[in-house]
């Protein structure tokens, strides 16, 4: 089971490479913010998969904190974009 979870975490990491490309290449600020949100979500998924694969609940705590920070970043971006 842990081999499957590690394989899924590796696949999610591969998708993160695509999101990093969009973050670098994105022509607009909104594209960059969406890709940054995607990176945050994928990071939470990787941490959750690692937590299950390694049977270590510490990674879930880190994933929750990362998810909260991503939500605050999105709210900050929306506030900044609205003021333009």
C-alpha atoms as a PDB file:
ATOM      1  CA  UNK A   1       0.000   0.000   0.000  1.00  0.00           C
ATOM      2  CA  UNK A   2       2.768   2.438   0.852  1.00  0.00           C
ATOM      3  CA  UNK A   3       4.377   1.788  -2.540  1.00  0.00           C
ATOM      4  CA  UNK A   4       1.159   2.836  -4.250  1.00  0.00           C
ATOM      5  CA  UNK A   5       0.921   5.979  -2.133  1.00  0.00           C
ATOM      6  CA  UNK A   6       4.545   6.877  -2.863  1.00  0.00           C
ATOM      7  CA  UNK A   7       3.872   6.354  -6.579  1.00  0.00           C
ATOM      8  CA  UNK A   8       0.877   8.667  -6.395  1.00  0.00           C
ATOM      9  CA  UNK A   9       2.955  11.270  -4.563  1.00  0.00           C
ATOM     10  CA  UNK A  10       5.534  11.046  -7.344  1.00  0.00           C
ATOM     11  CA  UNK A  11       2.821  11.536  -9.961  1.00  0.00           C
ATOM     12  CA  UNK A  12       1.529  14.602  -8.129  1.00  0.00           C
ATOM     13  CA  UNK A  13       5.088  15.959  -8.015  1.00  0.00           C
ATOM     14  CA  UNK A  14       5.237  15.551 -11.803  1.00  0.00           C
ATOM     15  CA  UNK A  15       2.086  17.648 -12.123  1.00  0.00           C
ATOM     16  CA  UNK A  16       3.746  20.271  -9.919  1.00  0.00           C
ATOM     17  CA  UNK A  17       6.396  20.709 -12.609  1.00  0.00           C
ATOM     18  CA  UNK A  18       3.673  21.754 -15.050  1.00  0.00           C
ATOM     19  CA  UNK A  19       2.305  24.223 -12.489  1.00  0.00           C
ATOM     20  CA  UNK A  20       5.797  25.647 -11.989  1.00  0.00           C
ATOM     21  CA  UNK A  21       6.070  26.189 -15.732  1.00  0.00           C
ATOM     22  CA  UNK A  22       2.756  28.072 -15.748  1.00  0.00           C
ATOM     23  CA  UNK A  23       3.963  30.130 -12.785  1.00  0.00           C
ATOM     24  CA  UNK A  24       7.090  31.095 -14.697  1.00  0.00           C
ATOM     25  CA  UNK A  25       5.488  31.566 -18.103  1.00  0.00           C
ATOM     26  CA  UNK A  26       2.060  32.974 -17.153  1.00  0.00           C
ATOM     27  CA  UNK A  27       1.435  36.205 -19.046  1.00  0.00           C
ATOM     28  CA  UNK A  28      -0.901  37.707 -16.437  1.00  0.00           C
ATOM     29  CA  UNK A  29      -0.811  38.028 -12.663  1.00  0.00           C
ATOM     30  CA  UNK A  30      -4.028  36.026 -12.394  1.00  0.00           C
ATOM     31  CA  UNK A  31      -2.428  33.096 -14.244  1.00  0.00           C
ATOM     32  CA  UNK A  32       0.467  33.170 -11.843  1.00  0.00           C
ATOM     33  CA  UNK A  33      -1.832  33.278  -8.827  1.00  0.00           C
ATOM     34  CA  UNK A  34      -3.893  30.342 -10.077  1.00  0.00           C
ATOM     35  CA  UNK A  35      -0.749  28.310 -10.622  1.00  0.00           C
ATOM     36  CA  UNK A  36       0.476  29.279  -7.158  1.00  0.00           C
ATOM     37  CA  UNK A  37      -2.825  28.106  -5.692  1.00  0.00           C
ATOM     38  CA  UNK A  38      -2.470  24.878  -7.650  1.00  0.00           C
ATOM     39  CA  UNK A  39       1.033  24.410  -6.244  1.00  0.00           C
ATOM     40  CA  UNK A  40      -0.331  24.893  -2.738  1.00  0.00           C
ATOM     41  CA  UNK A  41      -3.087  22.374  -3.302  1.00  0.00           C
ATOM     42  CA  UNK A  42      -0.713  19.847  -4.832  1.00  0.00           C
ATOM     43  CA  UNK A  43       1.707  20.328  -1.953  1.00  0.00           C
ATOM     44  CA  UNK A  44      -1.073  19.538   0.493  1.00  0.00           C
ATOM     45  CA  UNK A  45      -1.892  16.410  -1.530  1.00  0.00           C
ATOM     46  CA  UNK A  46       1.751  15.284  -1.524  1.00  0.00           C
ATOM     47  CA  UNK A  47       2.031  15.830   2.214  1.00  0.00           C
ATOM     48  CA  UNK A  48      -1.189  13.901   2.848  1.00  0.00           C
ATOM     49  CA  UNK A  49       0.026  11.009   0.689  1.00  0.00           C
ATOM     50  CA  UNK A  50       3.384  10.983   2.442  1.00  0.00           C
ATOM     51  CA  UNK A  51       1.676  11.036   5.804  1.00  0.00           C
ATOM     52  CA  UNK A  52      -0.348   7.975   4.882  1.00  0.00           C
ATOM     53  CA  UNK A  53       2.582   6.167   3.254  1.00  0.00           C
ATOM     54  CA  UNK A  54       5.037   6.782   6.080  1.00  0.00           C
ATOM     55  CA  UNK A  55       2.415   6.516   8.835  1.00  0.00           C
ATOM     56  CA  UNK A  56       3.544   9.845  10.269  1.00  0.00           C
ATOM     57  CA  UNK A  57       0.770  12.256  11.340  1.00  0.00           C
ATOM     58  CA  UNK A  58       3.188  15.201  11.489  1.00  0.00           C
ATOM     59  CA  UNK A  59       2.861  15.717   7.725  1.00  0.00           C
ATOM     60  CA  UNK A  60      -0.895  16.218   8.046  1.00  0.00           C
ATOM     61  CA  UNK A  61      -0.283  19.095  10.469  1.00  0.00           C
ATOM     62  CA  UNK A  62       2.113  20.701   8.006  1.00  0.00           C
ATOM     63  CA  UNK A  63      -0.424  20.199   5.201  1.00  0.00           C
ATOM     64  CA  UNK A  64      -3.158  21.951   7.197  1.00  0.00           C
ATOM     65  CA  UNK A  65      -0.897  24.932   7.906  1.00  0.00           C
ATOM     66  CA  UNK A  66       0.078  25.101   4.234  1.00  0.00           C
ATOM     67  CA  UNK A  67      -3.581  25.020   3.185  1.00  0.00           C
ATOM     68  CA  UNK A  68      -4.396  27.880   5.554  1.00  0.00           C
ATOM     69  CA  UNK A  69      -1.477  29.939   4.245  1.00  0.00           C
ATOM     70  CA  UNK A  70      -2.603  29.340   0.666  1.00  0.00           C
ATOM     71  CA  UNK A  71      -6.088  30.583   1.515  1.00  0.00           C
ATOM     72  CA  UNK A  72      -4.676  33.745   3.094  1.00  0.00           C
ATOM     73  CA  UNK A  73      -2.471  34.313   0.027  1.00  0.00           C
ATOM     74  CA  UNK A  74      -5.476  33.974  -2.272  1.00  0.00           C
ATOM     75  CA  UNK A  75      -7.448  36.461  -0.207  1.00  0.00           C
ATOM     76  CA  UNK A  76      -4.534  38.877  -0.278  1.00  0.00           C
ATOM     77  CA  UNK A  77      -4.236  38.584  -4.042  1.00  0.00           C
ATOM     78  CA  UNK A  78      -7.962  39.112  -4.517  1.00  0.00           C
ATOM     79  CA  UNK A  79      -7.821  42.227  -2.347  1.00  0.00           C
ATOM     80  CA  UNK A  80      -4.856  43.576  -4.310  1.00  0.00           C
ATOM     81  CA  UNK A  81      -6.448  42.790  -7.664  1.00  0.00           C
ATOM     82  CA  UNK A  82      -9.752  44.389  -6.623  1.00  0.00           C
ATOM     83  CA  UNK A  83      -8.039  47.685  -5.756  1.00  0.00           C
ATOM     84  CA  UNK A  84      -6.538  48.069  -9.243  1.00  0.00           C
END
